[in-house]
Full PDB file with SEQRES, HELIX, SHEET, SSBOND, CRYST1, ORIGX, SCALE, CONECT and MASTER records, all heavy atoms in Angstrom:
SEQRES   1 A   34  ILE LEU GLU GLY GLY THR PHE ASP VAL HIS THR LEU CYS          
SEQRES   2 A   34  LEU SER SER ASN GLY ARG ILE LEU ALA SER ALA THR ASP          
SEQRES   3 A   34  ASP GLN THR VAL ARG LEU TRP ASN                              
SHEET    1 AA1 3 VAL A   9  LEU A  14  0                                        
SHEET    2 AA1 3 LEU A  21  THR A  25 -1                                        
SHEET    3 AA1 3 VAL A  30  TRP A  33 -1                                        
CRYST1    1.000    1.000    1.000  90.00  90.00  90.00 P 1           1          
ORIGX1      1.000000  0.000000  0.000000        0.00000                         
ORIGX2      0.000000  1.000000  0.000000        0.00000                         
ORIGX3      0.000000  0.000000  1.000000        0.00000                         
SCALE1      1.000000  0.000000  0.000000        0.00000                         
SCALE2      0.000000  1.000000  0.000000        0.00000                         
SCALE3      0.000000  0.000000  1.000000        0.00000                         
ATOM      1  N   ILE A   1     118.607  55.449 -71.258  1.00  0.00           N  
ATOM      2  CA  ILE A   1     119.882  55.273 -70.562  1.00  0.00           C  
ATOM      3  C   ILE A   1     119.801  53.935 -69.846  1.00  0.00           C  
ATOM      4  O   ILE A   1     118.864  53.684 -69.080  1.00  0.00           O  
ATOM      5  CB  ILE A   1     120.162  56.390 -69.546  1.00  0.00           C  
ATOM      6  CG1 ILE A   1     120.310  57.737 -70.237  1.00  0.00           C  
ATOM      7  CG2 ILE A   1     121.424  56.071 -68.741  1.00  0.00           C  
ATOM      8  CD1 ILE A   1     120.559  58.897 -69.291  1.00  0.00           C  
ATOM      9  N   LEU A   2     120.759  53.076 -70.109  1.00  0.00           N  
ATOM     10  CA  LEU A   2     120.862  51.798 -69.417  1.00  0.00           C  
ATOM     11  C   LEU A   2     121.961  51.944 -68.380  1.00  0.00           C  
ATOM     12  O   LEU A   2     123.080  52.320 -68.718  1.00  0.00           O  
ATOM     13  CB  LEU A   2     121.217  50.669 -70.393  1.00  0.00           C  
ATOM     14  CG  LEU A   2     120.368  50.564 -71.654  1.00  0.00           C  
ATOM     15  CD1 LEU A   2     120.889  49.454 -72.550  1.00  0.00           C  
ATOM     16  CD2 LEU A   2     118.915  50.337 -71.301  1.00  0.00           C  
ATOM     17  N   GLU A   3     121.647  51.663 -67.137  1.00  0.00           N  
ATOM     18  CA  GLU A   3     122.645  51.775 -66.081  1.00  0.00           C  
ATOM     19  C   GLU A   3     123.523  50.538 -66.110  1.00  0.00           C  
ATOM     20  O   GLU A   3     123.081  49.449 -65.774  1.00  0.00           O  
ATOM     21  CB  GLU A   3     121.974  51.949 -64.723  1.00  0.00           C  
ATOM     22  CG  GLU A   3     121.156  53.216 -64.612  1.00  0.00           C  
ATOM     23  CD  GLU A   3     121.974  54.493 -64.798  1.00  0.00           C  
ATOM     24  OE1 GLU A   3     123.173  54.510 -64.459  1.00  0.00           O  
ATOM     25  OE2 GLU A   3     121.403  55.484 -65.304  1.00  0.00           O  
ATOM     26  N   GLY A   4     124.778  50.730 -66.535  1.00  0.00           N  
ATOM     27  CA  GLY A   4     125.698  49.611 -66.725  1.00  0.00           C  
ATOM     28  C   GLY A   4     126.590  49.318 -65.539  1.00  0.00           C  
ATOM     29  O   GLY A   4     127.584  48.626 -65.679  1.00  0.00           O  
ATOM     30  N   GLY A   5     126.284  49.844 -64.374  1.00  0.00           N  
ATOM     31  CA  GLY A   5     127.106  49.622 -63.196  1.00  0.00           C  
ATOM     32  C   GLY A   5     127.775  50.909 -62.766  1.00  0.00           C  
ATOM     33  O   GLY A   5     127.468  51.996 -63.255  1.00  0.00           O  
ATOM     34  N   THR A   6     128.732  50.779 -61.865  1.00  0.00           N  
ATOM     35  CA  THR A   6     129.429  51.960 -61.350  1.00  0.00           C  
ATOM     36  C   THR A   6     130.876  52.000 -61.826  1.00  0.00           C  
ATOM     37  O   THR A   6     131.726  52.588 -61.178  1.00  0.00           O  
ATOM     38  CB  THR A   6     129.375  51.983 -59.815  1.00  0.00           C  
ATOM     39  OG1 THR A   6     129.959  50.776 -59.324  1.00  0.00           O  
ATOM     40  CG2 THR A   6     127.957  52.123 -59.319  1.00  0.00           C  
ATOM     41  N   PHE A   7     131.155  51.389 -62.948  1.00  0.00           N  
ATOM     42  CA  PHE A   7     132.492  51.346 -63.519  1.00  0.00           C  
ATOM     43  C   PHE A   7     132.417  51.737 -64.990  1.00  0.00           C  
ATOM     44  O   PHE A   7     131.335  51.867 -65.558  1.00  0.00           O  
ATOM     45  CB  PHE A   7     133.087  49.938 -63.391  1.00  0.00           C  
ATOM     46  CG  PHE A   7     133.349  49.531 -61.972  1.00  0.00           C  
ATOM     47  CD1 PHE A   7     132.355  48.964 -61.195  1.00  0.00           C  
ATOM     48  CD2 PHE A   7     134.604  49.714 -61.416  1.00  0.00           C  
ATOM     49  CE1 PHE A   7     132.595  48.579 -59.891  1.00  0.00           C  
ATOM     50  CE2 PHE A   7     134.859  49.330 -60.110  1.00  0.00           C  
ATOM     51  CZ  PHE A   7     133.854  48.766 -59.345  1.00  0.00           C  
ATOM     52  N   ASP A   8     133.589  51.874 -65.616  1.00  0.00           N  
ATOM     53  CA  ASP A   8     133.630  52.180 -67.043  1.00  0.00           C  
ATOM     54  C   ASP A   8     133.038  51.036 -67.851  1.00  0.00           C  
ATOM     55  O   ASP A   8     133.364  49.871 -67.617  1.00  0.00           O  
ATOM     56  CB  ASP A   8     135.069  52.407 -67.515  1.00  0.00           C  
ATOM     57  CG  ASP A   8     135.662  53.704 -67.001  1.00  0.00           C  
ATOM     58  OD1 ASP A   8     134.880  54.640 -66.739  1.00  0.00           O  
ATOM     59  OD2 ASP A   8     136.889  53.787 -66.872  1.00  0.00           O  
ATOM     60  N   VAL A   9     132.164  51.377 -68.798  1.00  0.00           N  
ATOM     61  CA  VAL A   9     131.649  50.400 -69.757  1.00  0.00           C  
ATOM     62  C   VAL A   9     132.577  50.502 -70.965  1.00  0.00           C  
ATOM     63  O   VAL A   9     132.519  51.454 -71.722  1.00  0.00           O  
ATOM     64  CB  VAL A   9     130.187  50.698 -70.151  1.00  0.00           C  
ATOM     65  CG1 VAL A   9     129.691  49.654 -71.148  1.00  0.00           C  
ATOM     66  CG2 VAL A   9     129.297  50.744 -68.919  1.00  0.00           C  
ATOM     67  N   HIS A  10     133.469  49.530 -71.107  1.00  0.00           N  
ATOM     68  CA  HIS A  10     134.526  49.615 -72.118  1.00  0.00           C  
ATOM     69  C   HIS A  10     134.125  49.107 -73.489  1.00  0.00           C  
ATOM     70  O   HIS A  10     134.641  49.579 -74.493  1.00  0.00           O  
ATOM     71  CB  HIS A  10     135.766  48.853 -71.663  1.00  0.00           C  
ATOM     72  CG  HIS A  10     136.636  49.667 -70.785  1.00  0.00           C  
ATOM     73  ND1 HIS A  10     137.466  50.639 -71.260  1.00  0.00           N  
ATOM     74  CD2 HIS A  10     136.782  49.680 -69.441  1.00  0.00           C  
ATOM     75  CE1 HIS A  10     138.098  51.205 -70.261  1.00  0.00           C  
ATOM     76  NE2 HIS A  10     137.693  50.642 -69.147  1.00  0.00           N  
ATOM     77  N   THR A  11     133.255  48.135 -73.538  1.00  0.00           N  
ATOM     78  CA  THR A  11     132.952  47.507 -74.811  1.00  0.00           C  
ATOM     79  C   THR A  11     131.459  47.251 -74.933  1.00  0.00           C  
ATOM     80  O   THR A  11     130.814  46.859 -73.968  1.00  0.00           O  
ATOM     81  CB  THR A  11     133.689  46.155 -74.937  1.00  0.00           C  
ATOM     82  OG1 THR A  11     135.085  46.379 -74.840  1.00  0.00           O  
ATOM     83  CG2 THR A  11     133.391  45.472 -76.240  1.00  0.00           C  
ATOM     84  N   LEU A  12     130.948  47.478 -76.123  1.00  0.00           N  
ATOM     85  CA  LEU A  12     129.573  47.143 -76.467  1.00  0.00           C  
ATOM     86  C   LEU A  12     129.584  46.276 -77.711  1.00  0.00           C  
ATOM     87  O   LEU A  12     130.424  46.471 -78.593  1.00  0.00           O  
ATOM     88  CB  LEU A  12     128.762  48.401 -76.778  1.00  0.00           C  
ATOM     89  CG  LEU A  12     128.582  49.429 -75.677  1.00  0.00           C  
ATOM     90  CD1 LEU A  12     127.924  50.682 -76.241  1.00  0.00           C  
ATOM     91  CD2 LEU A  12     127.750  48.858 -74.541  1.00  0.00           C  
ATOM     92  N   CYS A  13     128.643  45.366 -77.800  1.00  0.00           N  
ATOM     93  CA  CYS A  13     128.435  44.649 -79.069  1.00  0.00           C  
ATOM     94  C   CYS A  13     126.970  44.266 -79.171  1.00  0.00           C  
ATOM     95  O   CYS A  13     126.290  44.060 -78.165  1.00  0.00           O  
ATOM     96  CB  CYS A  13     129.357  43.446 -79.213  1.00  0.00           C  
ATOM     97  SG  CYS A  13     129.118  42.121 -78.026  1.00  0.00           S  
ATOM     98  N   LEU A  14     126.506  44.210 -80.396  1.00  0.00           N  
ATOM     99  CA  LEU A  14     125.113  43.878 -80.690  1.00  0.00           C  
ATOM    100  C   LEU A  14     125.026  42.517 -81.355  1.00  0.00           C  
ATOM    101  O   LEU A  14     125.879  42.176 -82.190  1.00  0.00           O  
ATOM    102  CB  LEU A  14     124.524  44.896 -81.661  1.00  0.00           C  
ATOM    103  CG  LEU A  14     123.912  46.156 -81.089  1.00  0.00           C  
ATOM    104  CD1 LEU A  14     123.566  47.122 -82.204  1.00  0.00           C  
ATOM    105  CD2 LEU A  14     122.688  45.849 -80.258  1.00  0.00           C  
ATOM    106  N   SER A  15     123.991  41.772 -81.018  1.00  0.00           N  
ATOM    107  CA  SER A  15     123.729  40.526 -81.735  1.00  0.00           C  
ATOM    108  C   SER A  15     123.370  40.871 -83.179  1.00  0.00           C  
ATOM    109  O   SER A  15     122.962  41.989 -83.477  1.00  0.00           O  
ATOM    110  CB  SER A  15     122.588  39.753 -81.072  1.00  0.00           C  
ATOM    111  OG  SER A  15     121.401  40.511 -81.091  1.00  0.00           O  
ATOM    112  N   SER A  16     123.531  39.909 -84.070  1.00  0.00           N  
ATOM    113  CA  SER A  16     123.298  40.175 -85.497  1.00  0.00           C  
ATOM    114  C   SER A  16     121.869  40.603 -85.798  1.00  0.00           C  
ATOM    115  O   SER A  16     121.627  41.337 -86.753  1.00  0.00           O  
ATOM    116  CB  SER A  16     123.676  38.958 -86.344  1.00  0.00           C  
ATOM    117  OG  SER A  16     122.938  37.824 -85.930  1.00  0.00           O  
ATOM    118  N   ASN A  17     120.892  40.196 -84.973  1.00  0.00           N  
ATOM    119  CA  ASN A  17     119.508  40.626 -85.199  1.00  0.00           C  
ATOM    120  C   ASN A  17     119.209  41.968 -84.536  1.00  0.00           C  
ATOM    121  O   ASN A  17     118.106  42.476 -84.636  1.00  0.00           O  
ATOM    122  CB  ASN A  17     118.515  39.551 -84.741  1.00  0.00           C  
ATOM    123  CG  ASN A  17     118.522  39.323 -83.240  1.00  0.00           C  
ATOM    124  OD1 ASN A  17     119.171  40.040 -82.473  1.00  0.00           O  
ATOM    125  ND2 ASN A  17     117.794  38.299 -82.816  1.00  0.00           N  
ATOM    126  N   GLY A  18     120.195  42.540 -83.815  1.00  0.00           N  
ATOM    127  CA  GLY A  18     120.031  43.850 -83.194  1.00  0.00           C  
ATOM    128  C   GLY A  18     119.149  43.873 -81.966  1.00  0.00           C  
ATOM    129  O   GLY A  18     118.785  44.930 -81.487  1.00  0.00           O  
ATOM    130  N   ARG A  19     118.829  42.713 -81.413  1.00  0.00           N  
ATOM    131  CA  ARG A  19     117.908  42.664 -80.282  1.00  0.00           C  
ATOM    132  C   ARG A  19     118.594  42.560 -78.924  1.00  0.00           C  
ATOM    133  O   ARG A  19     118.046  42.965 -77.921  1.00  0.00           O  
ATOM    134  CB  ARG A  19     116.942  41.495 -80.465  1.00  0.00           C  
ATOM    135  CG  ARG A  19     116.054  41.695 -81.695  1.00  0.00           C  
ATOM    136  CD  ARG A  19     115.155  40.533 -81.954  1.00  0.00           C  
ATOM    137  NE  ARG A  19     114.196  40.385 -80.867  1.00  0.00           N  
ATOM    138  CZ  ARG A  19     113.469  39.300 -80.687  1.00  0.00           C  
ATOM    139  NH1 ARG A  19     113.593  38.279 -81.500  1.00  0.00           N  
ATOM    140  NH2 ARG A  19     112.615  39.227 -79.694  1.00  0.00           N  
ATOM    141  N   ILE A  20     119.809  42.004 -78.894  1.00  0.00           N  
ATOM    142  CA  ILE A  20     120.527  41.825 -77.640  1.00  0.00           C  
ATOM    143  C   ILE A  20     121.829  42.631 -77.687  1.00  0.00           C  
ATOM    144  O   ILE A  20     122.610  42.526 -78.631  1.00  0.00           O  
ATOM    145  CB  ILE A  20     120.850  40.334 -77.374  1.00  0.00           C  
ATOM    146  CG1 ILE A  20     119.575  39.496 -77.361  1.00  0.00           C  
ATOM    147  CG2 ILE A  20     121.642  40.178 -76.077  1.00  0.00           C  
ATOM    148  CD1 ILE A  20     118.622  39.815 -76.231  1.00  0.00           C  
ATOM    149  N   LEU A  21     122.037  43.430 -76.657  1.00  0.00           N  
ATOM    150  CA  LEU A  21     123.251  44.220 -76.498  1.00  0.00           C  
ATOM    151  C   LEU A  21     124.056  43.611 -75.359  1.00  0.00           C  
ATOM    152  O   LEU A  21     123.492  43.244 -74.326  1.00  0.00           O  
ATOM    153  CB  LEU A  21     122.889  45.671 -76.158  1.00  0.00           C  
ATOM    154  CG  LEU A  21     124.039  46.608 -75.829  1.00  0.00           C  
ATOM    155  CD1 LEU A  21     124.817  46.952 -77.093  1.00  0.00           C  
ATOM    156  CD2 LEU A  21     123.514  47.863 -75.152  1.00  0.00           C  
ATOM    157  N   ALA A  22     125.368  43.497 -75.543  1.00  0.00           N  
ATOM    158  CA  ALA A  22     126.264  43.073 -74.469  1.00  0.00           C  
ATOM    159  C   ALA A  22     127.145  44.253 -74.105  1.00  0.00           C  
ATOM    160  O   ALA A  22     127.660  44.948 -74.987  1.00  0.00           O  
ATOM    161  CB  ALA A  22     127.119  41.890 -74.918  1.00  0.00           C  
ATOM    162  N   SER A  23     127.306  44.499 -72.800  1.00  0.00           N  
ATOM    163  CA  SER A  23     128.179  45.569 -72.321  1.00  0.00           C  
ATOM    164  C   SER A  23     129.203  44.978 -71.363  1.00  0.00           C  
ATOM    165  O   SER A  23     128.851  44.238 -70.446  1.00  0.00           O  
ATOM    166  CB  SER A  23     127.365  46.667 -71.637  1.00  0.00           C  
ATOM    167  OG  SER A  23     126.697  46.183 -70.494  1.00  0.00           O  
ATOM    168  N   ALA A  24     130.476  45.301 -71.600  1.00  0.00           N  
ATOM    169  CA  ALA A  24     131.569  44.781 -70.784  1.00  0.00           C  
ATOM    170  C   ALA A  24     132.162  45.903 -69.952  1.00  0.00           C  
ATOM    171  O   ALA A  24     132.402  46.996 -70.460  1.00  0.00           O  
ATOM    172  CB  ALA A  24     132.637  44.182 -71.690  1.00  0.00           C  
ATOM    173  N   THR A  25     132.392  45.630 -68.649  1.00  0.00           N  
ATOM    174  CA  THR A  25     132.793  46.687 -67.738  1.00  0.00           C  
ATOM    175  C   THR A  25     134.007  46.327 -66.891  1.00  0.00           C  
ATOM    176  O   THR A  25     134.447  45.175 -66.843  1.00  0.00           O  
ATOM    177  CB  THR A  25     131.639  47.030 -66.772  1.00  0.00           C  
ATOM    178  OG1 THR A  25     131.388  45.893 -65.959  1.00  0.00           O  
ATOM    179  CG2 THR A  25     130.386  47.409 -67.513  1.00  0.00           C  
ATOM    180  N   ASP A  26     134.486  47.356 -66.185  1.00  0.00           N  
ATOM    181  CA  ASP A  26     135.606  47.196 -65.259  1.00  0.00           C  
ATOM    182  C   ASP A  26     135.198  46.579 -63.923  1.00  0.00           C  
ATOM    183  O   ASP A  26     136.021  46.450 -63.034  1.00  0.00           O  
ATOM    184  CB  ASP A  26     136.274  48.554 -64.988  1.00  0.00           C  
ATOM    185  CG  ASP A  26     137.283  48.926 -66.041  1.00  0.00           C  
ATOM    186  OD1 ASP A  26     137.620  48.068 -66.886  1.00  0.00           O  
ATOM    187  OD2 ASP A  26     137.741  50.074 -66.042  1.00  0.00           O  
ATOM    188  N   ASP A  27     133.935  46.209 -63.768  1.00  0.00           N  
ATOM    189  CA  ASP A  27     133.544  45.529 -62.529  1.00  0.00           C  
ATOM    190  C   ASP A  27     133.571  44.014 -62.711  1.00  0.00           C  
ATOM    191  O   ASP A  27     132.962  43.272 -61.953  1.00  0.00           O  
ATOM    192  CB  ASP A  27     132.179  46.000 -62.028  1.00  0.00           C  
ATOM    193  CG  ASP A  27     131.022  45.599 -62.929  1.00  0.00           C  
ATOM    194  OD1 ASP A  27     131.267  45.064 -64.033  1.00  0.00           O  
ATOM    195  OD2 ASP A  27     129.866  45.841 -62.547  1.00  0.00           O  
ATOM    196  N   GLN A  28     134.286  43.563 -63.740  1.00  0.00           N  
ATOM    197  CA  GLN A  28     134.494  42.142 -64.036  1.00  0.00           C  
ATOM    198  C   GLN A  28     133.213  41.431 -64.457  1.00  0.00           C  
ATOM    199  O   GLN A  28     133.031  40.252 -64.191  1.00  0.00           O  
ATOM    200  CB  GLN A  28     135.146  41.427 -62.851  1.00  0.00           C  
ATOM    201  CG  GLN A  28     136.480  42.043 -62.465  1.00  0.00           C  
ATOM    202  CD  GLN A  28     137.168  41.319 -61.334  1.00  0.00           C  
ATOM    203  OE1 GLN A  28     136.628  40.398 -60.737  1.00  0.00           O  
ATOM    204  NE2 GLN A  28     138.383  41.739 -61.042  1.00  0.00           N  
ATOM    205  N   THR A  29     132.326  42.175 -65.127  1.00  0.00           N  
ATOM    206  CA  THR A  29     131.090  41.559 -65.609  1.00  0.00           C  
ATOM    207  C   THR A  29     130.784  41.973 -67.047  1.00  0.00           C  
ATOM    208  O   THR A  29     131.292  42.969 -67.547  1.00  0.00           O  
ATOM    209  CB  THR A  29     129.859  41.949 -64.760  1.00  0.00           C  
ATOM    210  OG1 THR A  29     129.616  43.341 -64.906  1.00  0.00           O  
ATOM    211  CG2 THR A  29     130.050  41.594 -63.299  1.00  0.00           C  
ATOM    212  N   VAL A  30     129.930  41.174 -67.653  1.00  0.00           N  
ATOM    213  CA  VAL A  30     129.276  41.524 -68.909  1.00  0.00           C  
ATOM    214  C   VAL A  30     127.792  41.462 -68.621  1.00  0.00           C  
ATOM    215  O   VAL A  30     127.312  40.531 -67.979  1.00  0.00           O  
ATOM    216  CB  VAL A  30     129.649  40.546 -70.045  1.00  0.00           C  
ATOM    217  CG1 VAL A  30     128.748  40.737 -71.258  1.00  0.00           C  
ATOM    218  CG2 VAL A  30     131.112  40.712 -70.434  1.00  0.00           C  
ATOM    219  N   ARG A  31     127.087  42.482 -69.071  1.00  0.00           N  
ATOM    220  CA  ARG A  31     125.636  42.502 -68.907  1.00  0.00           C  
ATOM    221  C   ARG A  31     124.990  42.365 -70.279  1.00  0.00           C  
ATOM    222  O   ARG A  31     125.478  42.932 -71.257  1.00  0.00           O  
ATOM    223  CB  ARG A  31     125.199  43.800 -68.249  1.00  0.00           C  
ATOM    224  CG  ARG A  31     125.531  43.876 -66.777  1.00  0.00           C  
ATOM    225  CD  ARG A  31     125.196  45.240 -66.195  1.00  0.00           C  
ATOM    226  NE  ARG A  31     125.359  45.281 -64.761  1.00  0.00           N  
ATOM    227  CZ  ARG A  31     126.531  45.391 -64.136  1.00  0.00           C  
ATOM    228  NH1 ARG A  31     127.633  45.486 -64.833  1.00  0.00           N  
ATOM    229  NH2 ARG A  31     126.593  45.407 -62.820  1.00  0.00           N  
ATOM    230  N   LEU A  32     123.895  41.619 -70.318  1.00  0.00           N  
ATOM    231  CA  LEU A  32     123.100  41.492 -71.539  1.00  0.00           C  
ATOM    232  C   LEU A  32     121.847  42.333 -71.370  1.00  0.00           C  
ATOM    233  O   LEU A  32     121.270  42.407 -70.280  1.00  0.00           O  
ATOM    234  CB  LEU A  32     122.722  40.036 -71.792  1.00  0.00           C  
ATOM    235  CG  LEU A  32     123.895  39.080 -72.029  1.00  0.00           C  
ATOM    236  CD1 LEU A  32     123.384  37.658 -72.185  1.00  0.00           C  
ATOM    237  CD2 LEU A  32     124.706  39.500 -73.226  1.00  0.00           C  
ATOM    238  N   TRP A  33     121.429  42.956 -72.471  1.00  0.00           N  
ATOM    239  CA  TRP A  33     120.274  43.853 -72.460  1.00  0.00           C  
ATOM    240  C   TRP A  33     119.331  43.495 -73.586  1.00  0.00           C  
ATOM    241  O   TRP A  33     119.773  43.220 -74.703  1.00  0.00           O  
ATOM    242  CB  TRP A  33     120.735  45.295 -72.662  1.00  0.00           C  
ATOM    243  CG  TRP A  33     121.747  45.765 -71.679  1.00  0.00           C  
ATOM    244  CD1 TRP A  33     123.114  45.656 -71.802  1.00  0.00           C  
ATOM    245  CD2 TRP A  33     121.500  46.394 -70.433  1.00  0.00           C  
ATOM    246  NE1 TRP A  33     123.713  46.196 -70.703  1.00  0.00           N  
ATOM    247  CE2 TRP A  33     122.756  46.664 -69.844  1.00  0.00           C  
ATOM    248  CE3 TRP A  33     120.342  46.782 -69.762  1.00  0.00           C  
ATOM    249  CZ2 TRP A  33     122.881  47.288 -68.614  1.00  0.00           C  
ATOM    250  CZ3 TRP A  33     120.468  47.403 -68.535  1.00  0.00           C  
ATOM    251  CH2 TRP A  33     121.721  47.653 -67.964  1.00  0.00           C  
ATOM    252  N   ASN A  34     118.037  43.538 -73.300  1.00  0.00           N  
ATOM    253  CA  ASN A  34     117.017  43.465 -74.331  1.00  0.00           C  
ATOM    254  C   ASN A  34     116.917  44.885 -74.880  1.00  0.00           C  
ATOM    255  O   ASN A  34     116.415  45.780 -74.203  1.00  0.00           O  
ATOM    256  CB  ASN A  34     115.691  43.001 -73.728  1.00  0.00           C  
ATOM    257  CG  ASN A  34     114.568  42.973 -74.732  1.00  0.00           C  
ATOM    258  OD1 ASN A  34     114.418  43.875 -75.546  1.00  0.00           O  
ATOM    259  ND2 ASN A  34     113.756  41.944 -74.649  1.00  0.00           N  
TER     260      ASN A  34                                                      
MASTER        0    0    0    0    3    0    0    6  259    1    0    3          
END                                                                             
């Protein structure tokens, strides 16, 4: 479980190599994940 903040995580996308995940939220941020 990746804690994506205290808001809705609306969008996810993966890099083409599958190593980096981006999560977009209602707290006006995008987080990158290994």
